[in-house]
Protein backbone atom coordinates (compact mmCIF):
# COMPACT_ATOMS: atom_id res chain seq x y z
CA MET A 1 47.32 -9.79 26.73
CA SER A 2 48.19 -13.46 26.90
CA PHE A 3 44.66 -14.45 27.94
CA PHE A 4 43.44 -13.90 24.30
CA ILE A 5 45.74 -16.63 23.01
CA PHE A 6 43.91 -19.32 24.95
CA ASN A 7 40.58 -18.36 23.44
CA VAL A 8 41.97 -18.47 19.94
CA MET A 9 43.53 -21.89 20.51
CA ALA A 10 40.31 -23.17 22.06
CA ASP A 11 38.27 -21.91 19.10
CA SER A 12 40.55 -23.52 16.54
CA ALA A 13 40.57 -26.85 18.38
CA VAL A 14 36.78 -27.34 18.45
CA PRO A 15 34.91 -27.14 15.15
CA THR A 16 31.78 -25.08 15.44
CA VAL A 17 28.48 -26.07 13.92
CA VAL A 18 26.23 -23.24 12.83
CA SER A 19 22.66 -24.00 13.76
CA TYR A 20 20.55 -22.30 11.10
CA MET A 21 16.89 -22.73 10.35
CA GLY A 22 16.05 -24.03 6.88
CA GLY A 23 16.62 -21.89 3.84
CA GLY A 24 12.92 -21.34 3.18
CA PHE A 25 11.88 -20.15 6.62
CA GLU A 26 12.75 -16.49 6.06
CA TRP A 27 10.84 -16.57 2.78
CA ILE A 28 7.69 -17.43 4.72
CA PHE A 29 8.12 -14.25 6.77
CA LEU A 30 8.82 -12.17 3.68
CA VAL A 31 5.78 -13.49 1.81
CA GLY A 32 3.62 -13.07 4.92
CA PHE A 33 4.80 -9.48 5.32
CA LEU A 34 4.03 -8.72 1.68
CA ILE A 35 0.54 -10.22 1.97
CA ILE A 36 -0.20 -8.19 5.10
CA PHE A 37 1.16 -5.04 3.42
CA TYR A 38 -1.10 -5.64 0.41
CA LEU A 39 -4.23 -6.35 2.45
CA ILE A 40 -3.84 -3.55 5.00
CA ILE A 41 -2.28 -0.71 3.02
CA TRP A 42 -2.21 -1.14 -0.74
CA ARG A 43 -5.67 -2.56 -1.51
CA PRO A 44 -7.78 -0.15 0.58
CA GLN A 45 -5.86 2.86 -0.74
CA ALA A 46 -6.30 1.74 -4.34
CA LYS A 47 -10.01 1.24 -3.70
CA ARG A 48 -10.36 4.78 -2.28
CA VAL A 49 -8.51 6.29 -5.25
CA LYS A 50 -10.73 4.39 -7.68
CA GLU A 51 -13.90 5.60 -5.90
CA GLN A 52 -12.62 9.21 -5.86
CA LYS A 53 -11.90 9.12 -9.60
CA LYS A 54 -15.37 7.70 -10.23
CA LEU A 55 -16.91 10.46 -8.10
CA LEU A 56 -15.00 13.24 -9.86
CA GLY A 57 -15.85 11.81 -13.26
CA SER A 58 -19.56 11.70 -12.48
CA LEU A 59 -19.93 15.31 -11.25
CA GLN A 60 -22.59 17.31 -13.06
CA LYS A 61 -24.06 20.77 -12.94
CA GLY A 62 -26.67 20.94 -10.17
CA ASP A 63 -25.05 18.32 -7.89
CA GLU A 64 -24.82 19.22 -4.21
CA VAL A 65 -21.36 18.48 -2.84
CA VAL A 66 -19.16 18.79 0.23
CA THR A 67 -15.53 19.85 -0.17
CA THR A 68 -12.63 18.45 1.85
CA SER A 69 -12.67 21.66 3.91
CA GLY A 70 -16.33 21.13 4.81
CA ILE A 71 -17.92 23.74 2.56
CA VAL A 72 -21.31 22.67 1.22
CA GLY A 73 -22.56 23.98 -2.10
CA LYS A 74 -24.26 23.37 -5.41
CA ILE A 75 -22.26 23.02 -8.62
CA ILE A 76 -23.17 25.78 -11.07
CA LYS A 77 -20.23 25.54 -13.46
CA ILE A 78 -17.81 22.70 -14.14
CA SER A 79 -14.62 22.47 -16.21
CA ASP A 80 -11.79 19.96 -16.55
CA ASP A 81 -9.95 20.91 -13.36
CA PHE A 82 -12.20 23.39 -11.55
CA VAL A 83 -15.72 23.57 -10.16
CA VAL A 84 -17.71 26.69 -9.24
CA LEU A 85 -19.94 26.16 -6.22
CA GLU A 86 -22.88 28.29 -5.20
CA VAL A 87 -22.49 28.44 -1.42
CA SER A 88 -25.41 30.85 -0.88
CA LYS A 89 -27.66 32.92 -3.15
CA THR A 90 -24.97 35.55 -3.72
CA ILE A 91 -21.69 33.73 -3.05
CA GLU A 92 -19.89 31.61 -5.64
CA MET A 93 -16.57 29.94 -4.91
CA LYS A 94 -14.13 28.24 -7.24
CA PHE A 95 -12.52 24.94 -6.18
CA GLN A 96 -10.32 22.33 -7.75
CA LYS A 97 -12.19 19.17 -8.62
CA SER A 98 -9.90 17.18 -6.35
CA ALA A 99 -11.22 19.19 -3.37
CA ILE A 100 -14.65 17.56 -3.69
CA ALA A 101 -15.03 14.96 -0.93
CA THR A 102 -18.53 13.63 -1.49
CA THR A 103 -21.86 14.33 -3.10
CA LEU A 104 -25.12 14.89 -1.21
CA ILE A 105 -28.66 13.79 -1.89
CA LYS A 106 -30.64 16.32 -3.94
CA GLY A 107 -32.50 18.77 -1.70
CA THR A 108 -30.06 18.59 1.20
CA LEU A 109 -29.12 22.27 0.88
CA GLU A 110 -32.74 23.39 1.25
CA ALA A 111 -33.13 21.22 4.34
CA ILE A 112 -30.16 22.85 6.10
């Protein structure tokens, strides 16, 4: 165990200088990371949420819509949280408003 003593004496004899990049260099990385996070993740997601709220707020009776599960139908009844879709002449289905993915151009259901 005597070989450790020499290392300790050698370390105490020579002062060490810590080479460290400037104090602001890591801030550049942090700010760059936050900007990339904002541009790639936060902003597009906020834009999608805003568009979805606008879509759900503009739904009216008679609109032709597609749900997130791919069901196509015409709105026949609308309330605060739910929508009743006419899928065919005899089938009506109730969905949450949040399940509406997009609206279609009028007359699309007849063309299918």
